[in-house]
Amino acid sequence: MVKINFLDNNNNLKEIKANNGSSLLEVSKKNNINLEGSCGGEMLCSTCHVYILSNHIDKLKKQTDEEKEILALTKNLKKNSRLACQIKITNKLKGLIFSVA
């Protein structure tokens, strides 16, 4: 189990225990975080767009060209934007903080 954190719209931090190998989208859904994920994690939409708020952005697997293309379709793209379906939980992500875009 890896402890990560979700920051909601009211700036409340919620600690979440996540299983290694799960996607951030799966973890979010299991913890009742309002993250849509319309395509079910198939990287066909951008409804699981999140912001990585902690210094873990460099610890994530690099974005694929496909993920970059999907993110380019979003209205509120930032340097710390990622698709939650593409982030796999590992021990390196302990303490990660993210929010829904």
N, C-alpha and C. Protein backbone atom coordinates (compact mmCIF):
# COMPACT_ATOMS: atom_id res chain seq x y z
N MET A 1 0.83 -1.19 0.00
CA MET A 1 0.00 0.00 0.00
C MET A 1 0.87 1.25 0.00
N VAL A 2 0.46 2.20 -0.78
CA VAL A 2 1.15 3.47 -0.89
C VAL A 2 0.18 4.57 -0.48
N LYS A 3 0.61 5.45 0.42
CA LYS A 3 -0.25 6.56 0.84
C LYS A 3 -0.03 7.74 -0.10
N ILE A 4 -1.14 8.17 -0.73
CA ILE A 4 -1.13 9.35 -1.59
C ILE A 4 -2.20 10.30 -1.07
N ASN A 5 -2.29 11.49 -1.66
CA ASN A 5 -3.21 12.50 -1.16
C ASN A 5 -3.98 13.16 -2.29
N PHE A 6 -5.27 13.40 -2.01
CA PHE A 6 -6.15 14.10 -2.94
C PHE A 6 -6.51 15.45 -2.35
N LEU A 7 -6.35 16.51 -3.13
CA LEU A 7 -6.73 17.85 -2.70
C LEU A 7 -8.02 18.22 -3.41
N ASP A 8 -9.09 18.45 -2.61
CA ASP A 8 -10.39 18.77 -3.22
C ASP A 8 -10.52 20.26 -3.49
N ASN A 9 -11.66 20.66 -4.03
CA ASN A 9 -11.90 22.05 -4.40
C ASN A 9 -11.92 23.00 -3.21
N ASN A 10 -12.10 22.48 -2.00
CA ASN A 10 -12.12 23.30 -0.79
C ASN A 10 -10.77 23.29 -0.08
N ASN A 11 -9.74 22.81 -0.77
CA ASN A 11 -8.38 22.71 -0.22
C ASN A 11 -8.27 21.76 0.96
N ASN A 12 -9.16 20.76 1.01
CA ASN A 12 -9.07 19.71 2.02
C ASN A 12 -8.23 18.57 1.45
N LEU A 13 -7.28 18.11 2.24
CA LEU A 13 -6.40 17.02 1.82
C LEU A 13 -6.93 15.71 2.37
N LYS A 14 -7.15 14.74 1.49
CA LYS A 14 -7.65 13.43 1.89
C LYS A 14 -6.56 12.40 1.63
N GLU A 15 -6.15 11.69 2.68
CA GLU A 15 -5.15 10.64 2.51
C GLU A 15 -5.82 9.38 1.99
N ILE A 16 -5.18 8.75 1.02
CA ILE A 16 -5.71 7.57 0.36
C ILE A 16 -4.65 6.47 0.40
N LYS A 17 -5.07 5.25 0.69
CA LYS A 17 -4.17 4.11 0.59
C LYS A 17 -4.43 3.44 -0.75
N ALA A 18 -3.37 3.35 -1.55
CA ALA A 18 -3.48 2.84 -2.91
C ALA A 18 -2.64 1.58 -3.09
N ASN A 19 -3.17 0.64 -3.83
CA ASN A 19 -2.43 -0.59 -4.12
C ASN A 19 -1.43 -0.36 -5.25
N ASN A 20 -0.22 -0.91 -5.08
CA ASN A 20 0.77 -0.88 -6.15
C ASN A 20 0.19 -1.51 -7.40
N GLY A 21 0.45 -0.89 -8.54
CA GLY A 21 -0.01 -1.42 -9.81
C GLY A 21 -1.37 -0.91 -10.25
N SER A 22 -2.14 -0.33 -9.33
CA SER A 22 -3.43 0.26 -9.69
C SER A 22 -3.19 1.57 -10.42
N SER A 23 -4.14 1.97 -11.24
CA SER A 23 -4.03 3.29 -11.86
C SER A 23 -4.61 4.33 -10.91
N LEU A 24 -4.18 5.55 -11.07
CA LEU A 24 -4.72 6.63 -10.24
C LEU A 24 -6.22 6.78 -10.48
N LEU A 25 -6.69 6.48 -11.66
CA LEU A 25 -8.12 6.51 -11.95
C LEU A 25 -8.86 5.47 -11.11
N GLU A 26 -8.35 4.24 -11.08
CA GLU A 26 -8.98 3.18 -10.29
C GLU A 26 -9.01 3.54 -8.81
N VAL A 27 -7.90 4.06 -8.32
CA VAL A 27 -7.80 4.45 -6.91
C VAL A 27 -8.81 5.55 -6.60
N SER A 28 -8.94 6.51 -7.51
CA SER A 28 -9.87 7.62 -7.31
C SER A 28 -11.30 7.12 -7.23
N LYS A 29 -11.67 6.25 -8.14
CA LYS A 29 -13.04 5.71 -8.14
C LYS A 29 -13.33 4.92 -6.86
N LYS A 30 -12.38 4.13 -6.40
CA LYS A 30 -12.57 3.34 -5.18
C LYS A 30 -12.71 4.22 -3.94
N ASN A 31 -12.20 5.45 -4.03
CA ASN A 31 -12.23 6.36 -2.89
C ASN A 31 -13.22 7.50 -3.08
N ASN A 32 -14.18 7.29 -3.96
CA ASN A 32 -15.29 8.23 -4.19
C ASN A 32 -14.84 9.64 -4.55
N ILE A 33 -13.77 9.73 -5.32
CA ILE A 33 -13.32 11.02 -5.83
C ILE A 33 -14.03 11.24 -7.16
N ASN A 34 -14.56 12.42 -7.35
CA ASN A 34 -15.35 12.73 -8.53
C ASN A 34 -14.45 12.93 -9.75
N LEU A 35 -13.96 11.82 -10.26
CA LEU A 35 -13.11 11.81 -11.45
C LEU A 35 -13.79 10.88 -12.44
N GLU A 36 -14.23 11.43 -13.56
CA GLU A 36 -15.13 10.71 -14.46
C GLU A 36 -14.52 9.46 -15.12
N GLY A 37 -13.55 9.61 -15.96
CA GLY A 37 -12.97 8.45 -16.65
C GLY A 37 -13.96 7.77 -17.57
N SER A 38 -14.59 8.54 -18.45
CA SER A 38 -15.66 8.04 -19.34
C SER A 38 -15.28 6.82 -20.15
N CYS A 39 -14.03 6.77 -20.61
CA CYS A 39 -13.63 5.68 -21.51
C CYS A 39 -13.17 4.44 -20.73
N GLY A 40 -13.24 4.49 -19.41
CA GLY A 40 -12.85 3.34 -18.60
C GLY A 40 -11.35 3.12 -18.53
N GLY A 41 -10.59 4.16 -18.75
CA GLY A 41 -9.13 4.03 -18.65
C GLY A 41 -8.45 3.59 -19.92
N GLU A 42 -9.13 3.72 -21.05
CA GLU A 42 -8.57 3.28 -22.33
C GLU A 42 -7.82 4.40 -23.07
N MET A 43 -7.67 5.56 -22.42
CA MET A 43 -7.00 6.73 -22.99
C MET A 43 -7.66 7.16 -24.31
N LEU A 44 -8.98 7.22 -24.29
CA LEU A 44 -9.73 7.67 -25.46
C LEU A 44 -10.41 9.01 -25.20
N CYS A 45 -10.28 9.54 -23.99
CA CYS A 45 -10.90 10.81 -23.64
C CYS A 45 -9.97 11.54 -22.67
N SER A 46 -10.39 12.66 -22.17
CA SER A 46 -9.56 13.39 -21.21
C SER A 46 -10.32 13.64 -19.90
N THR A 47 -11.34 12.83 -19.63
CA THR A 47 -12.18 13.07 -18.45
C THR A 47 -11.55 12.62 -17.14
N CYS A 48 -10.34 12.07 -17.20
CA CYS A 48 -9.62 11.73 -15.96
C CYS A 48 -8.40 12.63 -15.82
N HIS A 49 -8.49 13.83 -16.36
CA HIS A 49 -7.42 14.82 -16.32
C HIS A 49 -7.21 15.27 -14.87
N VAL A 50 -5.98 15.15 -14.40
CA VAL A 50 -5.63 15.57 -13.04
C VAL A 50 -4.39 16.47 -13.09
N TYR A 51 -4.18 17.17 -11.98
CA TYR A 51 -2.97 17.95 -11.78
C TYR A 51 -2.14 17.26 -10.71
N ILE A 52 -0.87 17.09 -10.97
CA ILE A 52 0.06 16.55 -9.97
C ILE A 52 0.63 17.77 -9.23
N LEU A 53 0.30 17.90 -7.96
CA LEU A 53 0.63 19.10 -7.20
C LEU A 53 1.92 18.97 -6.40
N SER A 54 2.38 17.77 -6.21
CA SER A 54 3.61 17.54 -5.44
C SER A 54 4.79 17.39 -6.41
N ASN A 55 5.97 17.22 -5.86
CA ASN A 55 7.16 17.12 -6.70
C ASN A 55 7.32 15.74 -7.33
N HIS A 56 6.27 14.98 -7.42
CA HIS A 56 6.32 13.64 -7.98
C HIS A 56 6.22 13.60 -9.50
N ILE A 57 6.01 14.73 -10.12
CA ILE A 57 5.82 14.75 -11.58
C ILE A 57 7.00 14.10 -12.30
N ASP A 58 8.22 14.27 -11.78
CA ASP A 58 9.40 13.68 -12.41
C ASP A 58 9.57 12.20 -12.07
N LYS A 59 8.78 11.70 -11.12
CA LYS A 59 8.86 10.29 -10.74
C LYS A 59 7.86 9.43 -11.52
N LEU A 60 7.00 10.10 -12.28
CA LEU A 60 6.01 9.39 -13.09
C LEU A 60 6.65 8.91 -14.39
N LYS A 61 6.09 7.84 -14.92
CA LYS A 61 6.50 7.38 -16.23
C LYS A 61 6.24 8.52 -17.22
N LYS A 62 7.15 8.72 -18.16
CA LYS A 62 7.01 9.81 -19.13
C LYS A 62 5.71 9.66 -19.92
N GLN A 63 5.15 10.81 -20.30
CA GLN A 63 3.95 10.80 -21.12
C GLN A 63 4.26 10.20 -22.50
N THR A 64 3.32 9.41 -22.98
CA THR A 64 3.44 8.92 -24.35
C THR A 64 2.93 10.02 -25.28
N ASP A 65 3.23 9.89 -26.56
CA ASP A 65 2.70 10.85 -27.54
C ASP A 65 1.18 10.81 -27.54
N GLU A 66 0.62 9.62 -27.35
CA GLU A 66 -0.83 9.47 -27.32
C GLU A 66 -1.45 10.24 -26.16
N GLU A 67 -0.84 10.15 -24.98
CA GLU A 67 -1.36 10.89 -23.82
C GLU A 67 -1.24 12.40 -24.07
N LYS A 68 -0.14 12.84 -24.63
CA LYS A 68 0.04 14.26 -24.94
C LYS A 68 -1.05 14.75 -25.89
N GLU A 69 -1.38 13.93 -26.89
CA GLU A 69 -2.42 14.31 -27.86
C GLU A 69 -3.78 14.44 -27.19
N ILE A 70 -4.11 13.50 -26.31
CA ILE A 70 -5.40 13.54 -25.60
C ILE A 70 -5.44 14.77 -24.68
N LEU A 71 -4.38 15.01 -23.94
CA LEU A 71 -4.33 16.16 -23.04
C LEU A 71 -4.42 17.49 -23.80
N ALA A 72 -3.90 17.52 -25.02
CA ALA A 72 -3.94 18.74 -25.82
C ALA A 72 -5.38 19.16 -26.14
N LEU A 73 -6.32 18.24 -26.01
CA LEU A 73 -7.73 18.53 -26.28
C LEU A 73 -8.43 19.19 -25.10
N THR A 74 -7.78 19.23 -23.94
CA THR A 74 -8.41 19.80 -22.75
C THR A 74 -8.34 21.33 -22.77
N LYS A 75 -9.26 21.94 -22.04
CA LYS A 75 -9.33 23.39 -21.98
C LYS A 75 -8.31 23.97 -21.01
N ASN A 76 -7.99 23.24 -19.98
CA ASN A 76 -7.18 23.78 -18.88
C ASN A 76 -5.87 23.01 -18.70
N LEU A 77 -5.16 22.85 -19.78
CA LEU A 77 -3.88 22.12 -19.77
C LEU A 77 -2.81 22.93 -19.05
N LYS A 78 -2.06 22.26 -18.17
CA LYS A 78 -0.94 22.88 -17.46
C LYS A 78 0.27 21.96 -17.57
N LYS A 79 1.42 22.44 -17.13
CA LYS A 79 2.64 21.63 -17.19
C LYS A 79 2.53 20.38 -16.31
N ASN A 80 1.72 20.45 -15.26
CA ASN A 80 1.57 19.32 -14.34
C ASN A 80 0.32 18.48 -14.63
N SER A 81 -0.24 18.62 -15.83
CA SER A 81 -1.42 17.85 -16.24
C SER A 81 -1.02 16.43 -16.61
N ARG A 82 -1.84 15.50 -16.19
CA ARG A 82 -1.68 14.09 -16.58
C ARG A 82 -3.06 13.44 -16.64
N LEU A 83 -3.12 12.30 -17.31
CA LEU A 83 -4.33 11.48 -17.31
C LEU A 83 -4.18 10.45 -16.19
N ALA A 84 -5.16 10.41 -15.30
CA ALA A 84 -5.08 9.50 -14.15
C ALA A 84 -5.03 8.04 -14.58
N CYS A 85 -5.61 7.72 -15.72
CA CYS A 85 -5.60 6.33 -16.19
C CYS A 85 -4.19 5.88 -16.58
N GLN A 86 -3.29 6.83 -16.80
CA GLN A 86 -1.93 6.50 -17.24
C GLN A 86 -0.91 6.51 -16.10
N ILE A 87 -1.35 6.82 -14.90
CA ILE A 87 -0.45 6.86 -13.75
C ILE A 87 -0.63 5.58 -12.95
N LYS A 88 0.41 4.77 -12.92
CA LYS A 88 0.40 3.54 -12.14
C LYS A 88 1.03 3.81 -10.78
N ILE A 89 0.38 3.33 -9.74
CA ILE A 89 0.87 3.53 -8.38
C ILE A 89 2.08 2.64 -8.13
N THR A 90 3.15 3.28 -7.65
CA THR A 90 4.37 2.57 -7.24
C THR A 90 4.82 3.19 -5.91
N ASN A 91 5.76 2.55 -5.26
CA ASN A 91 6.29 3.08 -4.00
C ASN A 91 6.92 4.46 -4.17
N LYS A 92 7.39 4.77 -5.37
CA LYS A 92 7.99 6.07 -5.65
C LYS A 92 6.99 7.21 -5.49
N LEU A 93 5.69 6.88 -5.53
CA LEU A 93 4.66 7.91 -5.48
C LEU A 93 4.15 8.18 -4.06
N LYS A 94 4.80 7.60 -3.06
CA LYS A 94 4.41 7.84 -1.68
C LYS A 94 4.38 9.36 -1.41
N GLY A 95 3.24 9.85 -0.89
CA GLY A 95 3.09 11.25 -0.59
C GLY A 95 2.61 12.12 -1.74
N LEU A 96 2.38 11.52 -2.89
CA LEU A 96 1.88 12.25 -4.06
C LEU A 96 0.64 13.04 -3.68
N ILE A 97 0.51 14.24 -4.22
CA ILE A 97 -0.70 15.05 -4.04
C ILE A 97 -1.23 15.37 -5.44
N PHE A 98 -2.54 15.12 -5.62
CA PHE A 98 -3.15 15.42 -6.91
C PHE A 98 -4.52 16.05 -6.70
N SER A 99 -4.99 16.72 -7.74
CA SER A 99 -6.35 17.28 -7.74
C SER A 99 -6.98 17.01 -9.09
N VAL A 100 -8.30 17.08 -9.13
CA VAL A 100 -9.03 16.94 -10.39
C VAL A 100 -8.90 18.25 -11.15
N ALA A 101 -8.60 18.15 -12.43
CA ALA A 101 -8.43 19.37 -13.25
C ALA A 101 -9.76 20.05 -13.48
